[in-house]
Amino acid sequence: MSRSQDHGMADTTCLTEQNFDETLVATPGLVMVDFWAEWCGPCRAIAPVLEELAEASDGVTLMKVNIDENPGLAARYGIRSIPTILFVKEGAVVDRVIGAAPKATLQGIVNARAS
């Protein structure tokens, strides 16, 4: 599992087809799983918003799946457009946002699901 740290930013776990299930099950609270790709402009635009939400919210973890490197996970979850953020709690998908949604939309889901 690789983690990235940028000057106070929240740790972000990069998920792969090998570690996806066990990592999600082992992570308590709400997990935002960001399905993204390097070439995706909206993915790059929403990334700081997701990091900020994870850092500011107790019990919320951000994880990322690069769809180019893990096409099986994208297929498994029916990801047809990126960015797609899955909100996972106790191993189950509880919400899904497709596209670069406004921060207020994402914050509303975090507020509703993290408690």
Protein backbone atom coordinates (compact mmCIF):
# COMPACT_ATOMS: atom_id res chain seq x y z
CA MET A 1 0.00 0.00 0.00
CA SER A 2 1.40 3.36 -0.87
CA ARG A 3 0.58 6.56 0.95
CA SER A 4 1.25 10.12 -0.03
CA GLN A 5 1.85 13.03 2.30
CA ASP A 6 1.86 16.63 1.15
CA HIS A 7 2.47 19.34 3.74
CA GLY A 8 -0.30 18.58 6.18
CA MET A 9 -2.60 16.86 3.71
CA ALA A 10 -4.46 13.79 4.87
CA ASP A 11 -2.85 10.44 4.21
CA THR A 12 -4.33 8.89 1.09
CA THR A 13 -4.22 5.15 0.55
CA CYS A 14 -3.91 3.98 -3.03
CA LEU A 15 -6.02 0.89 -3.53
CA THR A 16 -5.28 -1.90 -5.99
CA GLU A 17 -7.13 -5.02 -7.03
CA GLN A 18 -4.85 -6.91 -4.60
CA ASN A 19 -5.50 -4.84 -1.45
CA PHE A 20 -8.96 -3.36 -2.09
CA ASP A 21 -11.25 -5.69 -0.10
CA GLU A 22 -9.02 -6.24 2.92
CA THR A 23 -8.18 -2.54 3.20
CA LEU A 24 -11.82 -1.45 3.06
CA VAL A 25 -12.90 -4.02 5.65
CA ALA A 26 -10.02 -3.04 7.96
CA THR A 27 -10.81 0.68 7.79
CA PRO A 28 -13.31 1.93 10.38
CA GLY A 29 -15.74 4.76 9.69
CA LEU A 30 -16.65 6.25 6.33
CA VAL A 31 -14.32 5.73 3.38
CA MET A 32 -14.39 7.92 0.28
CA VAL A 33 -13.05 5.86 -2.63
CA ASP A 34 -12.03 8.14 -5.49
CA PHE A 35 -11.92 6.39 -8.89
CA TRP A 36 -9.66 8.57 -11.04
CA ALA A 37 -6.99 8.65 -13.78
CA GLU A 38 -3.88 10.76 -14.42
CA TRP A 39 -5.28 12.18 -17.68
CA CYS A 40 -8.61 13.26 -16.12
CA GLY A 41 -8.82 17.04 -15.57
CA PRO A 42 -11.95 16.94 -13.36
CA CYS A 43 -10.25 14.23 -11.26
CA ARG A 44 -7.30 16.53 -10.60
CA ALA A 45 -9.68 19.40 -9.83
CA ILE A 46 -11.67 17.51 -7.20
CA ALA A 47 -8.68 15.82 -5.50
CA PRO A 48 -7.84 18.74 -3.15
CA VAL A 49 -11.51 19.01 -2.14
CA LEU A 50 -11.62 15.31 -1.22
CA GLU A 51 -8.35 15.61 0.72
CA GLU A 52 -9.68 18.63 2.59
CA LEU A 53 -12.92 16.81 3.51
CA ALA A 54 -11.04 13.76 4.78
CA GLU A 55 -8.65 15.90 6.81
CA ALA A 56 -11.43 18.02 8.34
CA SER A 57 -13.83 15.19 9.16
CA ASP A 58 -13.26 12.75 12.01
CA GLY A 59 -13.72 9.12 11.05
CA VAL A 60 -13.48 9.78 7.30
CA THR A 61 -10.72 8.24 5.19
CA LEU A 62 -9.84 9.00 1.57
CA MET A 63 -8.66 6.18 -0.69
CA LYS A 64 -7.94 6.33 -4.40
CA VAL A 65 -8.21 3.83 -7.26
CA ASN A 66 -6.38 4.59 -10.51
CA ILE A 67 -8.71 3.06 -13.11
CA ASP A 68 -5.95 2.71 -15.69
CA GLU A 69 -3.96 0.51 -13.30
CA ASN A 70 -7.00 -1.31 -11.81
CA PRO A 71 -9.61 -1.78 -14.55
CA GLY A 72 -11.11 -4.78 -12.74
CA LEU A 73 -12.19 -2.61 -9.80
CA ALA A 74 -13.74 -0.05 -12.14
CA ALA A 75 -15.68 -2.83 -13.87
CA ARG A 76 -16.70 -4.42 -10.56
CA TYR A 77 -18.31 -1.18 -9.38
CA GLY A 78 -19.74 -0.16 -12.75
CA ILE A 79 -17.54 2.93 -13.04
CA ARG A 80 -18.28 4.39 -16.48
CA SER A 81 -17.33 8.00 -15.85
CA ILE A 82 -14.63 9.56 -13.71
CA PRO A 83 -14.25 10.98 -11.24
CA THR A 84 -16.62 8.71 -9.34
CA ILE A 85 -16.51 8.75 -5.57
CA LEU A 86 -17.94 5.78 -3.69
CA PHE A 87 -18.81 6.29 -0.05
CA VAL A 88 -18.20 2.99 1.78
CA LYS A 89 -19.13 2.15 5.35
CA GLU A 90 -18.51 -1.23 6.96
CA GLY A 91 -17.54 -2.66 3.56
CA ALA A 92 -20.78 -1.61 1.81
CA VAL A 93 -21.30 1.20 -0.71
CA VAL A 94 -23.71 3.66 0.92
CA ASP A 95 -23.54 6.48 -1.64
CA ARG A 96 -22.00 7.41 -4.99
CA VAL A 97 -21.16 10.71 -6.66
CA ILE A 98 -20.31 10.84 -10.37
CA GLY A 99 -18.38 13.82 -11.68
CA ALA A 100 -16.61 16.72 -9.99
CA ALA A 101 -19.40 17.57 -7.55
CA PRO A 102 -19.36 20.81 -5.56
CA LYS A 103 -17.76 20.66 -2.13
CA ALA A 104 -21.14 21.34 -0.47
CA THR A 105 -22.62 18.21 -2.07
CA LEU A 106 -19.74 16.05 -0.88
CA GLN A 107 -19.80 17.65 2.58
CA GLY A 108 -23.50 16.88 2.86
CA ILE A 109 -22.89 13.19 2.17
CA VAL A 110 -19.99 13.08 4.63
CA ASN A 111 -22.12 14.76 7.30
CA ALA A 112 -25.02 12.36 6.73
CA ARG A 113 -22.98 9.16 6.46
CA ALA A 114 -20.04 9.65 8.84
CA SER A 115 -22.12 9.69 12.01
